[in-house]
Structures are given as C-alpha cells and as structure tokens.
Protein backbone atom coordinates (compact mmCIF):
# COMPACT_ATOMS: atom_id res chain seq x y z
CA MET A 1 69.01 123.80 103.10
CA LEU A 2 69.70 123.59 106.84
CA GLY A 3 66.46 121.66 107.27
CA LYS A 4 67.53 119.08 104.67
CA ILE A 5 70.87 118.67 106.44
CA ILE A 6 69.15 118.08 109.76
CA ARG A 7 66.62 115.62 108.27
CA THR A 8 69.28 113.66 106.37
CA GLY A 9 71.73 113.34 109.25
CA ARG A 10 75.01 111.47 108.91
CA VAL A 11 75.28 109.28 105.82
CA ALA A 12 77.59 106.34 106.44
CA GLU A 13 77.62 102.59 106.16
CA PRO A 14 76.22 100.88 109.27
CA ALA A 15 78.75 99.52 111.75
CA LEU A 16 79.94 96.04 110.97
CA PRO A 17 79.62 93.33 113.63
CA VAL A 18 82.50 93.02 116.09
CA PRO A 19 85.11 90.54 114.80
CA PRO A 20 85.81 87.39 116.81
CA VAL A 21 88.75 87.47 119.21
CA ALA A 22 90.90 85.24 116.96
CA GLY A 23 90.97 87.89 114.22
CA ALA A 24 88.90 88.78 111.20
CA ALA A 25 87.46 85.35 110.54
CA GLY A 26 84.17 87.03 109.57
CA ALA A 27 85.68 88.11 106.26
CA ALA A 28 85.76 85.27 103.77
CA GLY A 29 89.26 84.00 103.09
CA VAL A 30 91.04 86.37 105.48
CA ARG A 31 93.89 84.81 107.41
CA PRO A 32 93.54 86.29 110.93
CA ALA A 33 96.32 88.07 112.75
CA ALA A 34 98.29 86.27 115.39
CA PRO A 35 96.98 87.19 118.82
CA GLY A 36 99.17 89.80 120.34
CA PRO A 37 99.53 93.10 122.13
CA LEU A 38 97.95 95.34 119.47
CA ALA A 39 94.66 96.56 120.89
CA GLY A 40 92.52 99.66 120.98
CA SER A 41 93.82 101.71 118.08
CA VAL A 42 96.30 100.79 115.37
CA GLN A 43 98.47 103.18 113.37
CA LEU A 44 98.98 101.90 109.80
CA ARG A 45 101.72 102.80 107.32
CA HIS A 46 100.72 102.08 103.73
CA ILE A 47 103.41 100.87 101.32
CA ASP A 48 102.78 100.49 97.59
CA ALA A 49 105.30 97.81 96.61
CA GLY A 50 104.35 97.85 92.93
CA SER A 51 100.57 97.64 92.61
CA CYS A 52 98.22 98.80 89.85
CA ASN A 53 96.55 101.22 92.35
CA GLY A 54 93.29 99.27 92.52
CA CYS A 55 93.90 98.39 96.17
CA GLU A 56 94.84 102.00 96.93
CA LEU A 57 91.44 103.15 95.67
CA GLU A 58 89.71 100.70 98.00
CA ILE A 59 91.94 101.74 100.93
CA GLY A 60 90.99 105.34 100.20
CA SER A 61 87.32 104.34 100.25
CA ALA A 62 87.73 102.42 103.51
CA PHE A 63 89.25 105.46 105.21
CA GLY A 64 86.88 107.92 103.53
CA PRO A 65 83.70 109.37 105.02
CA VAL A 66 81.35 106.55 103.93
CA TYR A 67 83.10 103.55 105.51
CA ASP A 68 85.04 105.64 108.10
CA ALA A 69 87.65 103.12 109.27
CA GLU A 70 88.87 105.59 111.89
CA ARG A 71 85.77 104.90 113.98
CA TYR A 72 87.31 101.48 114.70
CA GLY A 73 90.63 102.90 115.88
CA LEU A 74 92.42 102.53 112.53
CA ARG A 75 94.57 105.43 111.36
CA LEU A 76 96.99 105.95 108.49
CA VAL A 77 100.32 107.56 109.42
CA ALA A 78 103.16 108.97 107.31
CA SER A 79 106.14 107.40 109.06
CA PRO A 80 106.97 103.77 109.77
CA ARG A 81 108.42 104.90 113.10
CA HIS A 82 104.89 105.87 114.19
CA ALA A 83 103.25 102.71 112.83
CA ASP A 84 102.01 99.57 114.55
CA ALA A 85 101.32 97.74 111.27
CA LEU A 86 102.32 97.92 107.63
CA LEU A 87 99.62 97.83 104.95
CA VAL A 88 101.40 96.51 101.82
CA THR A 89 99.80 96.44 98.37
CA GLY A 90 101.01 94.93 95.11
CA PRO A 91 103.70 92.44 94.24
CA VAL A 92 107.12 93.48 95.48
CA THR A 93 109.14 94.79 92.55
CA ARG A 94 112.92 94.55 92.39
CA ASN A 95 113.20 98.27 93.10
CA MET A 96 110.93 98.05 96.18
CA ALA A 97 112.33 94.92 97.88
CA ASP A 98 115.10 96.73 99.80
CA PRO A 99 112.93 99.76 100.73
CA LEU A 100 110.24 97.36 102.03
CA ARG A 101 112.82 95.59 104.21
CA ALA A 102 114.06 98.97 105.46
CA VAL A 103 110.52 100.11 106.34
CA PHE A 104 109.88 96.79 108.09
CA ASP A 105 113.07 97.22 110.13
CA ALA A 106 112.17 100.85 110.96
CA THR A 107 108.76 99.89 112.35
CA PRO A 108 108.91 99.40 116.12
CA ASN A 109 107.96 96.09 117.74
CA PRO A 110 105.36 94.69 118.16
CA LYS A 111 104.48 95.09 114.50
CA ARG A 112 102.17 93.42 112.04
CA VAL A 113 102.29 93.18 108.25
CA VAL A 114 99.04 93.11 106.27
CA ALA A 115 99.22 91.91 102.65
CA VAL A 116 96.35 93.60 100.78
CA GLY A 117 95.06 91.99 97.60
CA ASP A 118 95.89 88.98 95.48
CA CYS A 119 99.05 90.62 94.12
CA ALA A 120 100.51 91.05 97.61
CA MET A 121 99.58 87.48 98.52
CA ASN A 122 100.82 85.63 95.41
CA CYS A 123 101.79 88.25 92.77
CA GLY A 124 98.38 87.89 91.06
CA VAL A 125 98.44 88.83 87.38
CA PHE A 126 102.04 90.05 87.73
CA ALA A 127 103.44 86.59 88.63
CA GLY A 128 106.49 85.81 86.55
CA GLY A 129 107.00 89.41 85.46
CA HIS A 130 110.59 90.44 84.81
CA GLY A 131 110.47 93.24 87.39
CA VAL A 132 108.75 91.25 90.13
CA GLU A 133 110.82 90.06 93.09
CA GLY A 134 107.97 88.10 94.66
CA ALA A 135 104.99 88.29 97.00
CA VAL A 136 105.13 90.31 100.20
CA GLY A 137 105.52 87.10 102.23
CA ASP A 138 108.69 86.31 100.29
CA ILE A 139 110.31 89.57 101.47
CA VAL A 140 108.94 90.17 104.99
CA PRO A 141 106.83 87.99 107.34
CA VAL A 142 103.09 88.51 106.79
CA ASP A 143 100.55 88.32 109.64
CA VAL A 144 97.26 89.06 107.82
CA GLU A 145 96.29 88.44 104.20
CA ILE A 146 93.27 90.10 102.59
CA PRO A 147 92.31 88.41 99.29
CA GLY A 148 90.62 90.13 96.40
CA CYS A 149 91.47 92.01 93.25
CA PRO A 150 90.95 94.52 94.75
CA PRO A 151 89.47 93.66 98.17
CA THR A 152 86.32 95.53 99.12
CA PRO A 153 86.38 98.25 101.78
CA GLU A 154 84.25 95.95 103.97
CA ALA A 155 86.86 93.16 103.74
CA LEU A 156 89.67 95.61 104.50
CA ILE A 157 87.92 96.98 107.56
CA ALA A 158 86.92 93.54 108.82
CA ALA A 159 90.51 92.27 108.60
CA LEU A 160 92.00 95.40 110.16
CA ARG A 161 89.45 95.29 112.97
CA GLY A 162 90.95 91.92 113.84
CA LEU A 163 94.13 93.81 114.73
CA THR A 164 92.33 96.23 117.07
CA GLY A 165 89.72 93.97 118.59
CA ARG A 166 87.13 96.74 118.10
C-alpha cells in the first residue's frame, strides 16, 4: 500500500495560468476586480444570501483537496472582521438584506465583494420572487462577478486569483 501511495503521488488539478494584472479576464464573462491594495493572500468570508446551495457545493470543491484554492493564497475565514473580501451567493432575500449590509460594514477597508453565480448577479431563476430583495449589487457595491449556475471551481479560482495577483 505504501508503494502505491509513493507511485501515485499527489492527485490534484494542474495549476492554472497566472491571471493578467487587470484581474481574472482569463475566465469567460468574469468582470475583473478594480486594481487595488489586495495582494498576496486574501481572506474570504462566505455569505449565503438566499441561494439554492449549488454555488456552495462548487465553493466547497474549489477549496477542497482537488482544486486546492489555498495554494493561491485564498482562505475562507469565519468572521467578517478578519476578511479582505466577501464571497456572496444567491439573490438577497428580504431577511438577509440587513445582515448583508451589517457584514459589509463590519469588514475592514480595503474590501472587495464577489458576487458568485447568476443569482447573485441578477437574481437568476428567483427574479421576481416574493421574498427576494434584489441582486447583491442592489444591496452592496460589487467588485467582481462570477457568472454561471453554478460557476465551475475553475471559474471561481480564476476570478479570485485576480484579487491576489497569484
């Protein structure tokens, strides 16, 4: 068994090419982050504003052992006070609009907001729902948008690498 482990080695996706300086333009349809002081490593706070959990599965895959987003300096944290950027999924429901504003205000400057998925960008299939307040950009300013329903782990990592420059 030890021999098989040694022969197999580490099983992971190959490293993606380094994103251009302007952001994650390598990912199709990704609006790049504004150039700014975030560099090196970025601490991310994930907020589910009312999603169907499809994007959360892909975020879990991106930070799992196969895609290993931490090798690019990306890390999920539990508190907005420790975060450099907010990773927001889903359309913002009426019950989550005020908590999202509070988390945005609690995040120290400089901060970035990443809208993950079609629902966060334009409410997706939930548009016009009675419990939907609006898209993330209607509640807080958005710096990066990652399209897809749900976006792939590769698209997530490519866009987030635009924040780190790694």
